[in-house]
């Protein structure tokens, strides 16, 4: 499992961030809380939850470990998925 990704912010939207790490761009879905913390910053360290399914590999990024833990508790509830 990937614990975190640290790099330069190449693109930032309220729903996603692209981090440039040594020439490789990682597209990471983020929360609005994480977006607010990243605004006006040149680089970031995001704690990662990696979702691997048959049809998709997705990265979800969080500004701190506590936010990631909350996310992991929420997706453990039946009917709530990572994209929700």
PDB file of N, CA and C in Angstrom:
ATOM      1  N   UNK A   1       0.837  -1.180   0.000  1.00  0.00           N
ATOM      2  CA  UNK A   1       0.000   0.000   0.000  1.00  0.00           C
ATOM      3  C   UNK A   1       0.886   1.248   0.000  1.00  0.00           C
ATOM      4  N   UNK A   2       0.436   2.255  -0.701  1.00  0.00           N
ATOM      5  CA  UNK A   2       1.137   3.543  -0.700  1.00  0.00           C
ATOM      6  C   UNK A   2       0.713   4.308   0.540  1.00  0.00           C
ATOM      7  N   UNK A   3       1.655   4.778   1.339  1.00  0.00           N
ATOM      8  CA  UNK A   3       1.319   5.538   2.538  1.00  0.00           C
ATOM      9  C   UNK A   3       1.099   7.008   2.203  1.00  0.00           C
ATOM     10  N   UNK A   4       2.027   7.601   1.466  1.00  0.00           N
ATOM     11  CA  UNK A   4       1.860   8.995   1.071  1.00  0.00           C
ATOM     12  C   UNK A   4       2.605   9.264  -0.222  1.00  0.00           C
ATOM     13  N   UNK A   5       2.223  10.378  -0.874  1.00  0.00           N
ATOM     14  CA  UNK A   5       2.909  10.868  -2.066  1.00  0.00           C
ATOM     15  C   UNK A   5       3.250  12.323  -1.803  1.00  0.00           C
ATOM     16  N   UNK A   6       4.508  12.682  -2.052  1.00  0.00           N
ATOM     17  CA  UNK A   6       4.983  14.038  -1.816  1.00  0.00           C
ATOM     18  C   UNK A   6       5.557  14.579  -3.117  1.00  0.00           C
ATOM     19  N   UNK A   7       5.087  15.770  -3.522  1.00  0.00           N
ATOM     20  CA  UNK A   7       5.587  16.337  -4.757  1.00  0.00           C
ATOM     21  C   UNK A   7       5.040  17.719  -5.023  1.00  0.00           C
ATOM     22  N   UNK A   8       5.365  18.240  -6.202  1.00  0.00           N
ATOM     23  CA  UNK A   8       4.899  19.563  -6.627  1.00  0.00           C
ATOM     24  C   UNK A   8       3.467  19.450  -7.141  1.00  0.00           C
ATOM     25  N   UNK A   9       2.660  20.453  -6.832  1.00  0.00           N
ATOM     26  CA  UNK A   9       1.283  20.469  -7.305  1.00  0.00           C
ATOM     27  C   UNK A   9       1.270  20.968  -8.747  1.00  0.00           C
ATOM     28  N   UNK A  10       0.935  20.086  -9.681  1.00  0.00           N
ATOM     29  CA  UNK A  10       0.874  20.444 -11.101  1.00  0.00           C
ATOM     30  C   UNK A  10      -0.497  21.015 -11.450  1.00  0.00           C
ATOM     31  N   UNK A  11      -1.554  20.428 -10.886  1.00  0.00           N
ATOM     32  CA  UNK A  11      -2.926  20.893 -11.091  1.00  0.00           C
ATOM     33  C   UNK A  11      -3.706  20.681  -9.804  1.00  0.00           C
ATOM     34  N   UNK A  12      -4.657  21.594  -9.561  1.00  0.00           N
ATOM     35  CA  UNK A  12      -5.482  21.491  -8.352  1.00  0.00           C
ATOM     36  C   UNK A  12      -6.896  21.952  -8.665  1.00  0.00           C
ATOM     37  N   UNK A  13      -7.866  21.078  -8.395  1.00  0.00           N
ATOM     38  CA  UNK A  13      -9.287  21.419  -8.504  1.00  0.00           C
ATOM     39  C   UNK A  13      -9.939  21.023  -7.180  1.00  0.00           C
ATOM     40  N   UNK A  14     -11.179  21.458  -6.941  1.00  0.00           N
ATOM     41  CA  UNK A  14     -11.838  21.056  -5.687  1.00  0.00           C
ATOM     42  C   UNK A  14     -12.004  19.541  -5.530  1.00  0.00           C
ATOM     43  N   UNK A  15     -11.938  18.785  -6.616  1.00  0.00           N
ATOM     44  CA  UNK A  15     -12.130  17.339  -6.544  1.00  0.00           C
ATOM     45  C   UNK A  15     -10.861  16.519  -6.741  1.00  0.00           C
ATOM     46  N   UNK A  16      -9.785  17.149  -7.254  1.00  0.00           N
ATOM     47  CA  UNK A  16      -8.578  16.370  -7.547  1.00  0.00           C
ATOM     48  C   UNK A  16      -7.318  17.226  -7.499  1.00  0.00           C
ATOM     49  N   UNK A  17      -6.218  16.524  -7.353  1.00  0.00           N
ATOM     50  CA  UNK A  17      -4.900  17.155  -7.411  1.00  0.00           C
ATOM     51  C   UNK A  17      -4.006  16.257  -8.252  1.00  0.00           C
ATOM     52  N   UNK A  18      -3.130  16.872  -9.034  1.00  0.00           N
ATOM     53  CA  UNK A  18      -2.112  16.121  -9.754  1.00  0.00           C
ATOM     54  C   UNK A  18      -0.772  16.519  -9.159  1.00  0.00           C
ATOM     55  N   UNK A  19      -0.082  15.534  -8.585  1.00  0.00           N
ATOM     56  CA  UNK A  19       1.229  15.782  -7.984  1.00  0.00           C
ATOM     57  C   UNK A  19       2.312  15.274  -8.925  1.00  0.00           C
ATOM     58  N   UNK A  20       3.271  16.132  -9.207  1.00  0.00           N
ATOM     59  CA  UNK A  20       4.417  15.782 -10.039  1.00  0.00           C
ATOM     60  C   UNK A  20       5.530  15.303  -9.114  1.00  0.00           C
ATOM     61  N   UNK A  21       5.872  14.017  -9.252  1.00  0.00           N
ATOM     62  CA  UNK A  21       6.930  13.423  -8.433  1.00  0.00           C
ATOM     63  C   UNK A  21       8.006  12.915  -9.385  1.00  0.00           C
ATOM     64  N   UNK A  22       9.092  13.670  -9.500  1.00  0.00           N
ATOM     65  CA  UNK A  22      10.203  13.309 -10.378  1.00  0.00           C
ATOM     66  C   UNK A  22       9.752  13.012 -11.809  1.00  0.00           C
ATOM     67  N   UNK A  23       8.867  13.858 -12.333  1.00  0.00           N
ATOM     68  CA  UNK A  23       8.436  13.719 -13.712  1.00  0.00           C
ATOM     69  C   UNK A  23       7.253  12.804 -13.944  1.00  0.00           C
ATOM     70  N   UNK A  24       6.707  12.202 -12.906  1.00  0.00           N
ATOM     71  CA  UNK A  24       5.523  11.359 -13.024  1.00  0.00           C
ATOM     72  C   UNK A  24       4.364  12.079 -12.351  1.00  0.00           C
ATOM     73  N   UNK A  25       3.254  12.242 -13.075  1.00  0.00           N
ATOM     74  CA  UNK A  25       2.085  12.927 -12.531  1.00  0.00           C
ATOM     75  C   UNK A  25       1.096  11.936 -11.962  1.00  0.00           C
ATOM     76  N   UNK A  26       0.795  12.074 -10.680  1.00  0.00           N
ATOM     77  CA  UNK A  26      -0.177  11.210 -10.012  1.00  0.00           C
ATOM     78  C   UNK A  26      -1.491  11.967  -9.875  1.00  0.00           C
ATOM     79  N   UNK A  27      -2.568  11.433 -10.476  1.00  0.00           N
ATOM     80  CA  UNK A  27      -3.899  12.017 -10.362  1.00  0.00           C
ATOM     81  C   UNK A  27      -4.530  11.460  -9.095  1.00  0.00           C
ATOM     82  N   UNK A  28      -4.893  12.345  -8.172  1.00  0.00           N
ATOM     83  CA  UNK A  28      -5.375  11.935  -6.857  1.00  0.00           C
ATOM     84  C   UNK A  28      -6.704  12.640  -6.573  1.00  0.00           C
ATOM     85  N   UNK A  29      -7.735  11.869  -6.267  1.00  0.00           N
ATOM     86  CA  UNK A  29      -9.005  12.451  -5.854  1.00  0.00           C
ATOM     87  C   UNK A  29      -8.862  12.958  -4.424  1.00  0.00           C
ATOM     88  N   UNK A  30      -9.396  14.156  -4.152  1.00  0.00           N
ATOM     89  CA  UNK A  30      -9.246  14.765  -2.833  1.00  0.00           C
ATOM     90  C   UNK A  30     -10.591  15.267  -2.321  1.00  0.00           C
ATOM     91  N   UNK A  31     -10.644  15.548  -1.022  1.00  0.00           N
ATOM     92  CA  UNK A  31     -11.836  16.123  -0.390  1.00  0.00           C
ATOM     93  C   UNK A  31     -11.748  17.650  -0.439  1.00  0.00           C
ATOM     94  N   UNK A  32     -12.865  18.308  -0.159  1.00  0.00           N
ATOM     95  CA  UNK A  32     -12.857  19.773  -0.112  1.00  0.00           C
ATOM     96  C   UNK A  32     -11.971  20.286   1.018  1.00  0.00           C
ATOM     97  N   UNK A  33     -11.913  19.539   2.121  1.00  0.00           N
ATOM     98  CA  UNK A  33     -11.044  19.916   3.238  1.00  0.00           C
ATOM     99  C   UNK A  33      -9.580  19.918   2.800  1.00  0.00           C
ATOM    100  N   UNK A  34      -9.179  18.896   2.066  1.00  0.00           N
ATOM    101  CA  UNK A  34      -7.812  18.814   1.561  1.00  0.00           C
ATOM    102  C   UNK A  34      -7.554  19.909   0.536  1.00  0.00           C
ATOM    103  N   UNK A  35      -8.529  20.170  -0.330  1.00  0.00           N
ATOM    104  CA  UNK A  35      -8.392  21.247  -1.317  1.00  0.00           C
ATOM    105  C   UNK A  35      -8.137  22.590  -0.620  1.00  0.00           C
ATOM    106  N   UNK A  36      -8.896  22.879   0.420  1.00  0.00           N
ATOM    107  CA  UNK A  36      -8.721  24.140   1.155  1.00  0.00           C
ATOM    108  C   UNK A  36      -7.328  24.250   1.758  1.00  0.00           C
ATOM    109  N   UNK A  37      -6.795  23.140   2.237  1.00  0.00           N
ATOM    110  CA  UNK A  37      -5.457  23.144   2.840  1.00  0.00           C
ATOM    111  C   UNK A  37      -4.355  23.300   1.790  1.00  0.00           C
ATOM    112  N   UNK A  38      -4.634  22.907   0.548  1.00  0.00           N
ATOM    113  CA  UNK A  38      -3.610  22.952  -0.505  1.00  0.00           C
ATOM    114  C   UNK A  38      -3.617  24.235  -1.325  1.00  0.00           C
ATOM    115  N   UNK A  39      -4.693  25.020  -1.250  1.00  0.00           N
ATOM    116  CA  UNK A  39      -4.767  26.253  -2.037  1.00  0.00           C
ATOM    117  C   UNK A  39      -3.552  27.133  -1.769  1.00  0.00           C
ATOM    118  N   UNK A  40      -3.027  27.717  -2.825  1.00  0.00           N
ATOM    119  CA  UNK A  40      -1.882  28.641  -2.762  1.00  0.00           C
ATOM    120  C   UNK A  40      -0.588  27.992  -2.293  1.00  0.00           C
ATOM    121  N   UNK A  41      -0.472  26.675  -2.439  1.00  0.00           N
ATOM    122  CA  UNK A  41       0.770  25.982  -2.096  1.00  0.00           C
ATOM    123  C   UNK A  41       1.404  25.431  -3.360  1.00  0.00           C
ATOM    124  N   UNK A  42       2.721  25.346  -3.361  1.00  0.00           N
ATOM    125  CA  UNK A  42       3.446  24.843  -4.533  1.00  0.00           C
ATOM    126  C   UNK A  42       3.688  23.339  -4.461  1.00  0.00           C
ATOM    127  N   UNK A  43       3.783  22.782  -3.251  1.00  0.00           N
ATOM    128  CA  UNK A  43       3.996  21.346  -3.121  1.00  0.00           C
ATOM    129  C   UNK A  43       3.146  20.805  -1.983  1.00  0.00           C
ATOM    130  N   UNK A  44       3.045  19.479  -1.922  1.00  0.00           N
ATOM    131  CA  UNK A  44       2.160  18.861  -0.937  1.00  0.00           C
ATOM    132  C   UNK A  44       2.627  17.453  -0.590  1.00  0.00           C
ATOM    133  N   UNK A  45       2.173  17.005   0.557  1.00  0.00           N
ATOM    134  CA  UNK A  45       2.334  15.623   0.982  1.00  0.00           C
ATOM    135  C   UNK A  45       0.930  15.123   1.295  1.00  0.00           C
ATOM    136  N   UNK A  46       0.463  14.169   0.492  1.00  0.00           N
ATOM    137  CA  UNK A  46      -0.882  13.632   0.682  1.00  0.00           C
ATOM    138  C   UNK A  46      -0.815  12.180   1.140  1.00  0.00           C
ATOM    139  N   UNK A  47      -1.574  11.871   2.171  1.00  0.00           N
ATOM    140  CA  UNK A  47      -1.688  10.499   2.647  1.00  0.00           C
ATOM    141  C   UNK A  47      -2.706   9.800   1.753  1.00  0.00           C
ATOM    142  N   UNK A  48      -2.375   8.610   1.306  1.00  0.00           N
ATOM    143  CA  UNK A  48      -3.085   7.956   0.207  1.00  0.00           C
ATOM    144  C   UNK A  48      -3.891   6.749   0.669  1.00  0.00           C
ATOM    145  N   UNK A  49      -5.081   6.635   0.078  1.00  0.00           N
ATOM    146  CA  UNK A  49      -5.851   5.396   0.114  1.00  0.00           C
ATOM    147  C   UNK A  49      -5.916   4.925  -1.335  1.00  0.00           C
ATOM    148  N   UNK A  50      -5.462   3.711  -1.590  1.00  0.00           N
ATOM    149  CA  UNK A  50      -5.415   3.168  -2.946  1.00  0.00           C
ATOM    150  C   UNK A  50      -6.555   2.167  -3.121  1.00  0.00           C
ATOM    151  N   UNK A  51      -7.426   2.428  -4.084  1.00  0.00           N
ATOM    152  CA  UNK A  51      -8.557   1.555  -4.375  1.00  0.00           C
ATOM    153  C   UNK A  51      -8.259   0.806  -5.669  1.00  0.00           C
ATOM    154  N   UNK A  52      -8.199  -0.520  -5.577  1.00  0.00           N
ATOM    155  CA  UNK A  52      -7.922  -1.345  -6.752  1.00  0.00           C
ATOM    156  C   UNK A  52      -9.115  -2.259  -6.980  1.00  0.00           C
ATOM    157  N   UNK A  53      -9.745  -2.078  -8.150  1.00  0.00           N
ATOM    158  CA  UNK A  53     -10.870  -2.910  -8.557  1.00  0.00           C
ATOM    159  C   UNK A  53     -10.554  -3.494  -9.922  1.00  0.00           C
ATOM    160  N   UNK A  54     -11.416  -4.370 -10.401  1.00  0.00           N
ATOM    161  CA  UNK A  54     -11.211  -4.970 -11.725  1.00  0.00           C
ATOM    162  C   UNK A  54     -11.154  -3.918 -12.817  1.00  0.00           C
ATOM    163  N   UNK A  55     -12.002  -2.896 -12.705  1.00  0.00           N
ATOM    164  CA  UNK A  55     -12.136  -1.916 -13.775  1.00  0.00           C
ATOM    165  C   UNK A  55     -11.422  -0.586 -13.518  1.00  0.00           C
ATOM    166  N   UNK A  56     -10.813  -0.412 -12.347  1.00  0.00           N
ATOM    167  CA  UNK A  56     -10.185   0.886 -12.066  1.00  0.00           C
ATOM    168  C   UNK A  56      -9.173   0.798 -10.925  1.00  0.00           C
ATOM    169  N   UNK A  57      -8.153   1.609 -11.043  1.00  0.00           N
ATOM    170  CA  UNK A  57      -7.192   1.827  -9.966  1.00  0.00           C
ATOM    171  C   UNK A  57      -7.301   3.314  -9.632  1.00  0.00           C
ATOM    172  N   UNK A  58      -7.628   3.659  -8.386  1.00  0.00           N
ATOM    173  CA  UNK A  58      -7.819   5.050  -8.008  1.00  0.00           C
ATOM    174  C   UNK A  58      -6.999   5.371  -6.763  1.00  0.00           C
ATOM    175  N   UNK A  59      -6.529   6.629  -6.724  1.00  0.00           N
ATOM    176  CA  UNK A  59      -5.836   7.131  -5.548  1.00  0.00           C
ATOM    177  C   UNK A  59      -6.696   8.214  -4.916  1.00  0.00           C
ATOM    178  N   UNK A  60      -6.873   8.135  -3.607  1.00  0.00           N
ATOM    179  CA  UNK A  60      -7.579   9.150  -2.846  1.00  0.00           C
ATOM    180  C   UNK A  60      -6.579   9.749  -1.868  1.00  0.00           C
ATOM    181  N   UNK A  61      -6.482  11.080  -1.850  1.00  0.00           N
ATOM    182  CA  UNK A  61      -5.480  11.749  -1.023  1.00  0.00           C
ATOM    183  C   UNK A  61      -6.094  12.590   0.072  1.00  0.00           C
ATOM    184  N   UNK A  62      -5.386  12.648   1.205  1.00  0.00           N
ATOM    185  CA  UNK A  62      -5.866  13.360   2.379  1.00  0.00           C
ATOM    186  C   UNK A  62      -4.728  14.162   2.989  1.00  0.00           C
ATOM    187  N   UNK A  63      -5.053  15.303   3.564  1.00  0.00           N
ATOM    188  CA  UNK A  63      -4.048  16.214   4.109  1.00  0.00           C
ATOM    189  C   UNK A  63      -3.388  15.649   5.367  1.00  0.00           C
ATOM    190  N   UNK A  64      -4.083  14.775   6.091  1.00  0.00           N
ATOM    191  CA  UNK A  64      -3.473  14.166   7.284  1.00  0.00           C
ATOM    192  C   UNK A  64      -4.003  12.740   7.478  1.00  0.00           C
ATOM    193  N   UNK A  65      -3.363  12.020   8.370  1.00  0.00           N
ATOM    194  CA  UNK A  65      -3.725  10.619   8.600  1.00  0.00           C
ATOM    195  C   UNK A  65      -5.106  10.474   9.230  1.00  0.00           C
ATOM    196  N   UNK A  66      -5.509  11.439  10.047  1.00  0.00           N
ATOM    197  CA  UNK A  66      -6.817  11.364  10.703  1.00  0.00           C
ATOM    198  C   UNK A  66      -7.948  11.423   9.669  1.00  0.00           C
ATOM    199  N   UNK A  67      -7.802  12.277   8.662  1.00  0.00           N
ATOM    200  CA  UNK A  67      -8.821  12.361   7.617  1.00  0.00           C
ATOM    201  C   UNK A  67      -8.886  11.049   6.828  1.00  0.00           C
ATOM    202  N   UNK A  68      -7.738  10.447   6.569  1.00  0.00           N
ATOM    203  CA  UNK A  68      -7.713   9.158   5.867  1.00  0.00           C
ATOM    204  C   UNK A  68      -8.384   8.073   6.710  1.00  0.00           C
ATOM    205  N   UNK A  69      -8.127   8.063   8.007  1.00  0.00           N
ATOM    206  CA  UNK A  69      -8.751   7.070   8.894  1.00  0.00           C
ATOM    207  C   UNK A  69     -10.276   7.216   8.904  1.00  0.00           C
ATOM    208  N   UNK A  70     -10.766   8.453   8.947  1.00  0.00           N
ATOM    209  CA  UNK A  70     -12.205   8.693   8.905  1.00  0.00           C
ATOM    210  C   UNK A  70     -12.788   8.161   7.597  1.00  0.00           C
ATOM    211  N   UNK A  71     -12.112   8.425   6.492  1.00  0.00           N
ATOM    212  CA  UNK A  71     -12.536   7.934   5.179  1.00  0.00           C
ATOM    213  C   UNK A  71     -12.614   6.408   5.187  1.00  0.00           C
ATOM    214  N   UNK A  72     -11.631   5.749   5.746  1.00  0.00           N
ATOM    215  CA  UNK A  72     -11.601   4.286   5.781  1.00  0.00           C
ATOM    216  C   UNK A  72     -12.744   3.730   6.631  1.00  0.00           C
ATOM    217  N   UNK A  73     -13.083   4.428   7.718  1.00  0.00           N
ATOM    218  CA  UNK A  73     -14.227   4.002   8.531  1.00  0.00           C
ATOM    219  C   UNK A  73     -15.538   4.173   7.754  1.00  0.00           C
ATOM    220  N   UNK A  74     -15.662   5.283   7.029  1.00  0.00           N
ATOM    221  CA  UNK A  74     -16.889   5.531   6.266  1.00  0.00           C
ATOM    222  C   UNK A  74     -17.090   4.507   5.174  1.00  0.00           C
ATOM    223  N   UNK A  75     -16.048   4.163   4.433  1.00  0.00           N
ATOM    224  CA  UNK A  75     -16.235   3.211   3.320  1.00  0.00           C
ATOM    225  C   UNK A  75     -16.434   1.774   3.809  1.00  0.00           C
ATOM    226  N   UNK A  76     -16.221   1.529   5.092  1.00  0.00           N
ATOM    227  CA  UNK A  76     -16.486   0.192   5.623  1.00  0.00           C
ATOM    228  C   UNK A  76     -17.981  -0.037   5.854  1.00  0.00           C
ATOM    229  N   UNK A  77     -18.783   1.040   5.802  1.00  0.00           N
ATOM    230  CA  UNK A  77     -20.229   0.938   5.965  1.00  0.00           C
ATOM    231  C   UNK A  77     -20.840   0.451   4.648  1.00  0.00           C
ATOM    232  N   UNK A  78     -21.726  -0.527   4.743  1.00  0.00           N
ATOM    233  CA  UNK A  78     -22.379  -1.070   3.557  1.00  0.00           C
ATOM    234  C   UNK A  78     -23.163   0.018   2.831  1.00  0.00           C
ATOM    235  N   UNK A  79     -22.957   0.097   1.517  1.00  0.00           N
ATOM    236  CA  UNK A  79     -23.657   1.080   0.690  1.00  0.00           C
ATOM    237  C   UNK A  79     -22.910   2.375   0.471  1.00  0.00           C
ATOM    238  N   UNK A  80     -21.789   2.580   1.176  1.00  0.00           N
ATOM    239  CA  UNK A  80     -20.984   3.783   0.980  1.00  0.00           C
ATOM    240  C   UNK A  80     -19.696   3.380   0.281  1.00  0.00           C
ATOM    241  N   UNK A  81     -19.464   3.966  -0.886  1.00  0.00           N
ATOM    242  CA  UNK A  81     -18.265   3.659  -1.644  1.00  0.00           C
ATOM    243  C   UNK A  81     -17.256   4.787  -1.573  1.00  0.00           C
ATOM    244  N   UNK A  82     -16.088   4.548  -2.106  1.00  0.00           N
ATOM    245  CA  UNK A  82     -15.000   5.522  -2.053  1.00  0.00           C
ATOM    246  C   UNK A  82     -15.343   6.830  -2.773  1.00  0.00           C
ATOM    247  N   UNK A  83     -16.034   6.735  -3.893  1.00  0.00           N
ATOM    248  CA  UNK A  83     -16.371   7.947  -4.657  1.00  0.00           C
ATOM    249  C   UNK A  83     -17.436   8.788  -3.944  1.00  0.00           C
ATOM    250  N   UNK A  84     -18.243   8.163  -3.123  1.00  0.00           N
ATOM    251  CA  UNK A  84     -19.268   8.890  -2.375  1.00  0.00           C
ATOM    252  C   UNK A  84     -18.606   9.813  -1.393  1.00  0.00           C
TER     253      UNK A  84
END
